Structure formats: structure tokens, C-alpha cells
Protein backbone atom coordinates (compact mmCIF):
# COMPACT_ATOMS: atom_id res chain seq x y z
CA SER A 1 23.43 17.94 -35.71
CA SER A 2 22.58 20.74 -33.59
CA SER A 3 24.42 21.12 -30.23
CA PRO A 4 21.85 21.66 -27.41
CA THR A 5 22.56 23.22 -24.06
CA ALA A 6 23.47 20.55 -21.58
CA ARG A 7 20.75 19.57 -19.53
CA THR A 8 21.10 19.85 -15.77
CA PRO A 9 18.02 18.03 -14.17
CA ALA A 10 16.92 19.07 -10.72
CA MET A 11 18.72 16.59 -8.46
CA PRO A 12 16.96 15.08 -5.41
CA LEU A 13 18.27 15.82 -1.95
CA LYS A 14 19.11 11.97 -1.53
CA LYS A 15 21.76 10.24 -3.55
CA TYR A 16 21.14 6.82 -4.67
CA ILE A 17 24.01 5.98 -6.85
CA SER A 18 27.77 6.47 -5.66
CA PRO A 19 30.47 7.57 -8.00
CA GLU A 20 31.81 4.00 -7.81
CA ALA A 21 28.54 2.65 -8.77
CA PHE A 22 28.30 4.67 -11.88
CA GLU A 23 31.66 3.06 -13.05
CA ASN A 24 29.90 -0.34 -12.81
CA LEU A 25 26.70 1.02 -14.35
CA GLY A 26 28.50 1.71 -17.49
CA LYS A 27 29.78 -1.85 -17.81
CA HIS A 28 26.45 -3.38 -16.87
CA LYS A 29 25.01 -5.96 -19.48
CA HIS A 30 21.59 -7.75 -19.25
CA HIS A 31 21.54 -11.39 -19.66
CA CYS A 32 18.48 -13.62 -19.58
CA ILE A 33 18.00 -17.41 -19.30
CA ASP A 34 14.42 -18.02 -20.47
CA ASP A 35 13.12 -21.62 -19.94
CA SER A 36 9.50 -20.60 -20.30
CA PHE A 37 7.48 -22.98 -22.41
CA LEU A 38 5.12 -20.27 -23.66
CA ASP A 39 7.74 -17.53 -24.59
CA PRO A 40 9.12 -19.44 -27.64
CA LEU A 41 5.60 -19.90 -29.02
CA LEU A 42 4.92 -16.16 -28.67
CA GLN A 43 8.06 -14.88 -29.84
CA PRO A 44 7.13 -14.71 -33.57
CA PHE A 45 4.13 -12.62 -32.68
CA TRP A 46 6.27 -10.28 -30.59
CA ASN A 47 8.90 -10.09 -33.39
CA TRP A 48 6.11 -9.04 -35.79
CA ALA A 49 4.53 -6.71 -33.24
CA VAL A 50 7.55 -4.72 -32.57
CA THR A 51 7.84 -3.76 -36.20
CA LEU A 52 4.53 -1.82 -35.80
CA LEU A 53 6.36 0.53 -33.41
CA PRO A 54 8.06 3.77 -34.86
CA MET A 55 11.79 3.52 -34.65
CA THR A 56 11.66 6.92 -32.95
CA MET A 57 9.77 5.53 -29.94
CA ALA A 58 11.80 5.22 -26.84
CA PRO A 59 11.81 1.75 -25.17
CA ASN A 60 10.97 3.27 -21.85
CA ILE A 61 7.89 4.74 -23.30
CA VAL A 62 6.85 1.26 -24.38
CA SER A 63 7.56 0.05 -20.72
CA ILE A 64 5.44 2.82 -19.25
CA LEU A 65 2.44 2.23 -21.79
CA ALA A 66 2.43 -1.41 -20.58
CA ILE A 67 1.35 -0.53 -17.14
CA VAL A 68 -1.26 1.96 -18.05
CA GLY A 69 -3.96 -0.63 -18.74
CA VAL A 70 -3.50 -2.68 -15.54
CA LEU A 71 -3.55 0.41 -13.38
CA VAL A 72 -6.82 1.65 -14.97
CA SER A 73 -8.27 -1.74 -14.61
CA LEU A 74 -7.42 -1.89 -10.90
CA ALA A 75 -8.75 1.65 -10.46
CA ILE A 76 -12.17 0.70 -12.00
CA THR A 77 -12.49 -2.52 -9.89
CA MET A 78 -11.54 -0.54 -6.75
CA ALA A 79 -14.36 1.98 -7.55
CA LEU A 80 -16.84 -0.77 -8.12
CA SER A 81 -15.85 -3.09 -5.23
CA PRO A 82 -14.08 -1.15 -2.53
CA SER A 83 -14.33 -4.15 -0.12
CA MET A 84 -13.26 -6.70 -2.68
CA GLN A 85 -16.57 -8.39 -2.18
CA ASP A 86 -18.91 -6.84 -4.66
CA GLU A 87 -19.93 -8.65 -7.79
CA LEU A 88 -18.39 -6.83 -10.79
CA PRO A 89 -20.14 -6.23 -14.21
CA PRO A 90 -19.10 -8.96 -16.82
CA TRP A 91 -17.43 -6.36 -18.92
CA THR A 92 -14.77 -5.56 -16.34
CA GLN A 93 -13.54 -9.14 -16.57
CA LEU A 94 -12.90 -8.81 -20.32
CA MET A 95 -11.27 -5.41 -19.57
CA ALA A 96 -9.04 -6.89 -17.02
CA ALA A 97 -8.04 -9.87 -19.19
CA LEU A 98 -7.22 -7.48 -22.08
CA SER A 99 -5.07 -5.32 -19.86
CA VAL A 100 -3.12 -8.15 -18.61
CA TRP A 101 -2.51 -9.29 -22.27
CA LEU A 102 -1.56 -5.80 -23.33
CA PHE A 103 0.87 -5.49 -20.59
CA GLN A 104 2.38 -8.85 -21.54
CA THR A 105 2.75 -7.84 -25.09
CA PHE A 106 4.14 -4.35 -24.30
CA ASP A 107 6.52 -5.78 -21.73
CA ALA A 108 8.00 -8.16 -24.25
CA LEU A 109 8.12 -5.44 -26.92
CA ASP A 110 10.15 -2.89 -24.83
CA GLY A 111 13.30 -5.08 -24.84
CA LEU A 112 12.81 -5.90 -28.53
CA GLN A 113 12.44 -2.20 -29.24
CA ALA A 114 15.69 -1.34 -27.26
CA ARG A 115 17.69 -3.86 -29.29
CA ARG A 116 16.18 -2.82 -32.47
CA THR A 117 16.99 0.77 -32.02
CA GLY A 118 20.28 0.18 -30.20
CA SER A 119 18.94 1.79 -27.15
CA SER A 120 19.49 -0.72 -24.31
CA SER A 121 20.59 0.83 -21.06
CA PRO A 122 20.86 0.08 -17.34
CA LEU A 123 18.11 2.75 -16.84
CA GLY A 124 15.83 0.84 -19.13
CA ASP A 125 16.56 -2.27 -16.89
CA LEU A 126 15.40 -0.44 -13.84
CA VAL A 127 12.29 0.92 -15.54
CA ASP A 128 11.37 -2.51 -16.88
CA HIS A 129 11.79 -4.49 -13.74
CA SER A 130 10.16 -1.92 -11.62
CA ILE A 131 7.18 -1.83 -13.82
CA ASP A 132 7.09 -5.68 -13.80
CA THR A 133 7.02 -5.84 -10.05
CA LEU A 134 4.23 -3.09 -9.84
CA SER A 135 2.00 -4.87 -12.52
CA ILE A 136 2.26 -8.18 -10.73
CA GLY A 137 1.04 -6.70 -7.40
CA VAL A 138 -1.78 -4.66 -9.25
CA SER A 139 -2.89 -7.58 -11.35
CA ILE A 140 -3.09 -9.81 -8.40
CA GLN A 141 -5.53 -7.15 -6.64
CA THR A 142 -7.66 -6.92 -9.66
CA ILE A 143 -8.14 -10.82 -9.93
CA MET A 144 -8.70 -11.13 -6.09
CA THR A 145 -11.55 -8.62 -6.59
CA SER A 146 -12.89 -10.34 -9.64
CA ILE A 147 -13.33 -13.58 -7.97
CA LEU A 148 -14.77 -12.02 -4.81
CA LEU A 149 -11.89 -13.37 -2.61
CA GLY A 150 -12.71 -10.49 -0.19
CA PRO A 151 -10.39 -9.03 2.59
CA GLY A 152 -8.57 -11.55 4.97
CA TRP A 153 -5.43 -13.45 5.58
CA ILE A 154 -5.54 -15.33 2.21
CA ALA A 155 -5.68 -11.98 0.21
CA LEU A 156 -2.71 -10.74 2.28
CA TYR A 157 -0.83 -13.99 1.54
CA VAL A 158 -1.53 -13.80 -2.12
CA GLN A 159 -0.39 -10.15 -2.34
CA ILE A 160 2.87 -10.88 -0.44
CA ALA A 161 3.51 -13.96 -2.61
CA ALA A 162 3.39 -11.83 -5.67
CA PHE A 163 5.99 -9.32 -4.82
CA SER A 164 8.16 -11.60 -2.90
CA MET A 165 8.37 -13.92 -5.82
CA HIS A 166 9.70 -11.19 -8.02
CA PHE A 167 12.05 -10.03 -5.15
CA SER A 168 13.44 -13.66 -5.24
CA VAL A 169 14.01 -13.50 -9.05
CA LEU A 170 15.86 -10.20 -8.70
CA TRP A 171 17.97 -11.40 -5.79
CA ASN A 172 19.02 -14.38 -7.91
CA THR A 173 19.79 -12.03 -10.82
CA ARG A 174 21.93 -9.99 -8.75
CA HIS A 175 24.21 -12.84 -7.69
CA THR A 176 24.18 -14.99 -10.73
CA GLY A 177 24.08 -12.18 -13.41
CA ASP A 178 21.31 -13.85 -15.08
CA LEU A 179 17.62 -13.11 -15.03
CA TYR A 180 16.31 -16.61 -14.78
CA LEU A 181 12.73 -17.33 -16.11
CA GLY A 182 11.62 -20.79 -15.22
CA VAL A 183 9.27 -23.20 -17.10
CA PHE A 184 6.34 -21.64 -15.17
CA SER A 185 7.33 -17.85 -15.25
CA ILE A 186 5.81 -14.58 -15.76
CA THR A 187 4.09 -15.39 -19.15
CA GLU A 188 2.51 -18.45 -17.80
CA ALA A 189 1.30 -16.59 -14.71
CA GLN A 190 -0.22 -13.90 -16.86
CA PHE A 191 -2.18 -16.36 -18.98
CA LEU A 192 -3.47 -17.91 -15.77
CA LEU A 193 -4.75 -14.48 -14.67
CA ILE A 194 -6.32 -14.05 -18.11
CA GLY A 195 -7.88 -17.44 -17.86
CA LEU A 196 -9.42 -16.77 -14.37
CA HIS A 197 -10.81 -13.54 -15.77
CA VAL A 198 -12.37 -15.21 -18.74
CA VAL A 199 -13.93 -18.05 -16.66
CA THR A 200 -15.44 -15.35 -14.35
CA PHE A 201 -16.90 -13.57 -17.29
CA PHE A 202 -19.03 -16.69 -18.07
CA THR A 203 -19.65 -18.03 -14.58
CA GLY A 204 -19.98 -14.64 -12.64
CA GLY A 205 -18.09 -13.86 -9.49
CA ALA A 206 -20.65 -15.42 -7.08
CA TRP A 207 -19.69 -18.92 -8.56
CA TRP A 208 -16.25 -18.70 -6.85
CA LEU A 209 -18.09 -18.57 -3.52
CA THR A 210 -19.27 -22.12 -3.77
CA PRO A 211 -18.00 -24.13 -0.73
CA GLY A 212 -15.58 -26.82 -1.63
CA PHE A 213 -13.04 -29.22 -0.06
CA LEU A 214 -12.63 -28.62 3.81
CA GLY A 215 -15.25 -26.02 3.68
CA LEU A 216 -13.20 -23.59 1.83
CA ARG A 217 -14.69 -21.73 -1.26
CA TYR A 218 -13.45 -22.31 -4.78
CA ASN A 219 -11.75 -18.80 -4.80
CA ASP A 220 -9.88 -19.68 -1.49
CA TRP A 221 -8.52 -22.85 -3.06
CA VAL A 222 -7.55 -21.20 -6.37
CA ALA A 223 -5.69 -18.36 -4.52
CA LEU A 224 -3.98 -20.60 -2.03
CA ILE A 225 -2.87 -23.10 -4.66
CA CYS A 226 -1.60 -20.55 -7.23
CA ALA A 227 0.13 -18.41 -4.61
CA THR A 228 1.84 -21.35 -2.91
CA GLY A 229 2.95 -22.83 -6.22
CA VAL A 230 4.40 -19.76 -7.53
CA VAL A 231 6.09 -18.61 -4.25
CA ALA A 232 7.45 -22.03 -3.36
CA GLY A 233 8.67 -22.82 -6.89
CA SER A 234 10.38 -19.41 -7.27
CA TRP A 235 12.02 -19.19 -3.76
CA ILE A 236 13.25 -22.85 -3.88
CA THR A 237 14.63 -22.38 -7.41
CA ASN A 238 16.32 -18.93 -6.72
CA VAL A 239 17.65 -20.00 -3.40
CA LEU A 240 19.31 -23.10 -4.86
CA ARG A 241 20.68 -21.07 -7.87
CA VAL A 242 22.19 -18.45 -5.50
CA ILE A 243 23.90 -20.88 -3.21
CA GLU A 244 25.38 -22.79 -6.10
CA ASN A 245 26.57 -19.63 -7.74
CA VAL A 246 28.00 -18.18 -4.51
CA ARG A 247 29.75 -21.38 -3.60
CA GLY A 248 31.11 -21.74 -6.92
CA ARG A 249 32.86 -18.35 -6.62
CA GLY A 250 34.43 -19.49 -3.29
CA LYS A 251 32.37 -17.01 -1.22
CA ALA A 252 30.27 -17.33 1.93
CA VAL A 253 26.63 -18.23 1.56
CA ARG A 254 25.32 -16.53 4.69
CA PRO A 255 25.83 -12.75 3.54
CA ALA A 256 23.90 -13.66 0.31
CA LEU A 257 21.08 -15.37 2.39
CA MET A 258 21.00 -12.30 4.70
CA GLU A 259 19.85 -10.24 1.82
CA VAL A 260 16.40 -11.66 2.07
CA ALA A 261 16.12 -10.50 5.61
CA PRO A 262 14.33 -7.25 4.77
CA MET A 263 11.48 -9.14 2.99
CA ALA A 264 11.24 -11.49 5.91
CA ILE A 265 11.10 -8.76 8.47
CA LEU A 266 8.39 -6.84 6.16
CA VAL A 267 6.28 -10.04 6.23
CA ALA A 268 6.80 -10.74 10.03
CA LEU A 269 5.98 -7.11 11.09
CA THR A 270 2.98 -7.01 8.83
CA VAL A 271 1.55 -10.20 10.34
CA VAL A 272 2.12 -9.12 13.95
CA TRP A 273 0.69 -5.78 13.44
CA LEU A 274 -2.63 -7.00 11.72
CA ILE A 275 -2.98 -9.74 14.39
CA LEU A 276 -2.88 -7.04 17.07
CA SER A 277 -4.60 -4.18 15.04
CA PRO A 278 -7.22 -2.64 17.25
CA VAL A 279 -9.44 -1.69 14.22
CA HIS A 280 -8.89 -5.18 12.47
CA ALA A 281 -7.29 -3.09 9.59
CA LEU A 282 -7.00 -6.11 7.23
CA TYR A 283 -10.81 -6.35 7.26
CA THR A 284 -11.82 -2.79 7.77
CA HIS A 285 -9.28 -1.17 5.35
CA PRO A 286 -8.18 -4.05 3.04
CA ARG A 287 -7.13 -1.91 0.12
CA LEU A 288 -4.95 0.45 2.31
CA VAL A 289 -3.22 -2.48 3.85
CA LEU A 290 -2.58 -4.33 0.57
CA CYS A 291 -1.44 -1.22 -1.36
CA SER A 292 0.94 0.00 1.48
CA ILE A 293 2.47 -3.45 1.73
CA LEU A 294 2.82 -3.70 -2.03
CA LEU A 295 4.52 -0.31 -2.15
CA VAL A 296 7.05 -1.30 0.57
CA GLY A 297 7.68 -4.66 -1.27
CA LEU A 298 8.13 -2.69 -4.51
CA ASN A 299 10.63 -0.35 -2.84
CA MET A 300 12.74 -3.28 -1.75
CA CYS A 301 12.54 -4.84 -5.20
CA SER A 302 13.74 -1.39 -6.73
CA TYR A 303 16.87 -1.41 -4.42
CA MET A 304 17.50 -4.84 -5.28
CA ILE A 305 17.37 -3.88 -9.15
CA LEU A 306 19.70 -1.00 -8.41
CA SER A 307 22.12 -3.19 -6.73
CA TYR A 308 22.07 -5.59 -9.57
CA CYS A 309 22.42 -2.88 -12.34
CA THR A 310 25.34 -1.07 -10.45
CA HIS A 311 26.87 -4.24 -8.97
CA THR A 312 27.00 -2.79 -5.57
CA PRO A 313 25.90 -4.22 -2.20
CA PHE A 314 22.21 -4.53 -1.49
CA LYS A 315 20.75 -1.95 0.93
CA ALA A 316 20.01 -4.42 3.72
CA PHE A 317 17.88 -2.04 5.84
CA ASN A 318 14.83 -0.43 4.35
CA THR A 319 13.78 2.63 6.19
CA LEU A 320 10.06 2.12 5.36
CA LEU A 321 10.14 -0.76 7.91
CA ILE A 322 10.55 1.87 10.77
CA PRO A 323 6.96 3.38 10.39
CA LEU A 324 5.69 -0.21 10.19
CA CYS A 325 7.28 -0.86 13.54
CA ALA A 326 5.37 2.12 14.78
CA LEU A 327 2.21 0.68 13.55
CA VAL A 328 3.06 -2.54 15.65
CA LEU A 329 3.89 -0.60 18.75
CA ASN A 330 0.65 1.50 18.59
CA ALA A 331 -1.31 -1.77 18.28
CA LEU A 332 0.67 -3.20 21.14
CA VAL A 333 -0.50 -0.34 23.42
CA GLY A 334 -4.01 -0.57 22.20
CA GLY A 335 -4.14 2.01 19.45
CA ILE A 336 -3.35 5.22 21.50
CA LEU A 337 -3.03 6.91 18.04
CA GLN A 338 -6.01 6.56 15.44
CA GLU A 339 -4.78 3.54 13.36
CA GLN A 340 -6.70 4.61 10.17
CA ILE A 341 -4.75 7.97 10.14
CA LEU A 342 -1.54 6.06 10.72
CA LEU A 343 -2.34 3.66 7.90
CA TRP A 344 -3.07 6.51 5.46
CA ALA A 345 0.05 8.32 6.53
CA TYR A 346 2.18 5.15 5.99
CA SER A 347 0.74 4.58 2.45
CA PHE A 348 1.44 8.05 1.43
CA LEU A 349 4.83 7.77 2.86
CA ALA A 350 5.56 4.53 0.97
CA LEU A 351 4.16 5.92 -2.19
CA GLY A 352 6.40 9.17 -1.85
CA ALA A 353 9.53 6.98 -1.06
CA GLN A 354 8.89 4.96 -4.17
CA LEU A 355 8.26 7.87 -6.44
CA HIS A 356 11.45 9.86 -5.03
CA LEU A 357 13.50 6.60 -5.63
CA TRP A 358 12.39 6.37 -9.33
CA TYR A 359 12.78 10.07 -9.84
CA GLY A 360 16.24 10.36 -8.09
CA VAL A 361 17.80 7.35 -9.85
CA ALA A 362 16.46 8.56 -13.28
CA MET A 363 17.80 12.08 -12.68
CA GLU A 364 21.26 10.84 -11.38
CA ILE A 365 21.68 8.64 -14.50
CA THR A 366 20.48 11.41 -16.77
CA ALA A 367 22.97 13.90 -15.11
CA PHE A 368 25.75 11.35 -15.49
CA SER A 369 25.21 10.11 -18.91
CA GLY A 370 23.29 13.01 -20.68
CA ILE A 371 20.59 10.57 -21.71
CA GLY A 372 17.13 10.85 -20.10
CA VAL A 373 14.60 8.34 -19.43
CA PHE A 374 12.72 9.10 -22.62
CA ASP A 375 15.82 9.49 -24.79
CA MET A 376 17.29 6.94 -27.28
CA VAL A 377 20.93 6.50 -28.25
CA ASN A 378 21.47 7.93 -31.61
CA LYS A 379 23.22 5.12 -33.50
CA GLU A 380 25.25 7.43 -35.82
CA CYS A 381 26.22 9.57 -32.87
CA LYS A 382 27.13 6.42 -30.75
CA LYS A 383 29.34 5.19 -33.59
CA GLY A 384 31.25 8.58 -33.48
CA THR A 385 30.45 9.62 -37.01
CA GLN A 386 29.12 13.01 -35.75
CA GLY A 387 31.91 13.71 -33.35
CA PRO A 388 30.78 13.70 -29.75
CA THR A 389 31.10 10.65 -27.41
CA ARG A 390 28.00 11.16 -25.45
CA CYS A 391 25.03 11.30 -27.71
CA ALA A 392 21.26 11.01 -27.51
CA THR A 393 18.05 11.21 -29.56
CA SER A 394 15.92 13.42 -27.53
CA SER A 395 12.37 12.47 -27.38
CA LEU A 396 9.17 12.17 -25.43
CA PHE A 397 7.08 9.80 -27.62
CA PHE A 398 9.00 10.62 -30.82
CA SER A 399 12.56 12.04 -31.41
CA ILE A 400 14.60 14.34 -33.12
CA ASN A 401 18.38 13.82 -33.73
CA VAL A 402 20.61 15.76 -31.52
CA CYS A 403 24.04 15.11 -29.90
CA ALA A 404 24.98 16.26 -26.36
CA ARG A 405 28.44 17.75 -26.33
């Protein structure tokens, strides 16, 4: 093996991981309890599909490839229907259904690839869970556009339900140490989305506008029933599991429950702001509102993942709530500042904060371990057969064997 020059990645100004947290990071182990009724049926296919991947492909590359399709699908639907009310061409329904299925498949394969190549890592956990959270929010926006749900409170409710559900799963994982996937979990939800896209391919989006019970349209009922079922089932299950675990360890329950406060504050501030909005932002700028709130929710989920992987306290206050308070105050005084400009600024701020978090954590872990986001642990090097204790297989998509000394 050659001995490359040690990498010294450019470090962000803000530190996300303390020296004490790095000690815990090295001891982190991923554990999952999967009660999904579909996962066992799909496992043989996933076990076969992972053998098609090169042994030199880093698991995090698989994770990132998973999200590409759903992002492209959302971008196309946003371009064709900015207001979420325009009928989409039938081919977009098949494209969206395929993108969800591909995400589901690659999301299952990244973990299998990590175990197959001996490249499991806390950084991989962070990448995988972050991408899962993002994909849920993105896929939800795509299906809302496909069934012509349109802007409004139901769309906001569905968007918040999606990322808050994932937040509850991560919160439960932080306290119990187990990633718990219930009988109706992410795989089942993804097949539900696929099914809705396929139905819309045959019926057309306008069919969902048919008035139904209590005057609500078919799309309203589908959105309300699915979102309520998912969010209620997830939160009830995870709250009960956290309470049971915390009490079982002889600790106070209240501090654990207080960790959901940032999510509750985000929802409350968003509702107050949009009620008072002088330009009725939820209806005039629905995409900006939904995307900005999704990014803030994603940021909270990322901090929960970081807390879980490093076994450190969860960051209770999220700084992205401060500009949201400014939006509320501006609405209270009648919109002294132009709300559209503030909303665009908030969206870019939330995006920048999330990108900086991902970059910062990746660079800090790389600097600590010598193993980057797109590196794989070299098994021979890991066993000590080639001398060094810190080793990596350097790669982007494919690898060459080197050991960091």
C-alpha cells in the first residue's frame, strides 16, 4: 500500500461535534427493530440486487443516488405546476412512481452494501437518515401536486406530518437505541405513494377534485386520512416507547418529552405566521412556504440524528426559529417589510444552514477519523495486516486501496 499525505479538509467556522462526542461516536452501533410486514417480502430481492453493486462502491454513494430520482421528479412537477393546481402529463405519474421505488430500493441497498463491504460507520448513519427525511418531504410535495391538492392548510398539514413523523422516529431511536420500524412503516408508506401515482396515471389528476363526503374532495380525504394515520400512529408509538424506556432506566420523563418542544414551536409559529400573513403566503407562495418549513424540519431531524450517533444531549433550541419569529412579528405589524422578500431570505437561510450542517459534520468526522464521506474501510487494513490502525479505501464512485498513516 502506498502512504498518502494526510488529508486536512477545510473546516467550517462552526463546530458541531465536541471532543467528548467523538469518543462516543467511535462506540456507536446501529440497531434496528423492523416489524414492517413488507420488508421481509422484499428482502430476497434486496439481497440479490446488492450483489449487482461493485464491491468498490461506497455505501454513501448508494445513499446519495437514492435521492436523485425523487429530487428530479419534484423539480419537473414544480416546473409544470408551480401552484400545485395544474394537471400533469400522465408520464410524470409513472416517473414519480418509479423514482419512489428506486429510492426505496437504493435506500435498502446502502445498508446492505455497508455490511457487505465492512464499511458501516456513524457518518453513514447520518447520511442515510438525513436523506430519508429529505426524501419523505420531497415525495410528499410531488404526490400533492399529482393529485391536484393545491395550496392551503391541508397541504401544510401533510408536509408537517411527513417530517414530524420522521422526527419522532429519530427521537425514539435516540432514547431507546433502536431504530423502530412499525407494521406500517416507511416501506408501506412508499408503496402507498406509488399506488397513488399509478391510480392518477389512469384516472388523471382532475378525478381527485370530485366532491365527496362533507363536501371535501377525494384528494382532501386521501391527504387527511393518510397524514393523520401516519403522524398519529408514529407519535403515539414513539412517545410510549420513549416513556417506557426512560422510566425503565430510572430517569425523569419530562426532559425527554421536552426535546420535542422545537418541533412543536416550529408548527405553532408557522400556523400563527400564516394566519396573520399580509400576503396570504400559504396561497400566494405555497412552494416557498412548504420548502422552507421542510428545510427547518430537516435541520431539526439532522440535529436529532447527530445527538443519537454521538450519544450527546439534543440541541433543544434551533436558531432557525429566530427568523421565523421575525416573520410572525412582521405579520403582526401589518407587513412593514415586504413578506415575499423575507420568505425568500428565510428559504435560502434554511437551505444554507442545512448544507453547512451536513458539510461541517462530514468534515469534522473526516478530520477525526481520516475516512471521508465517499471512503470505505479497507478490510485488510482494518484487520491490521498492513500496519496502520486508521485505514481507508479512497474513492469517489470506485476505489483504490490506500492506508492513511
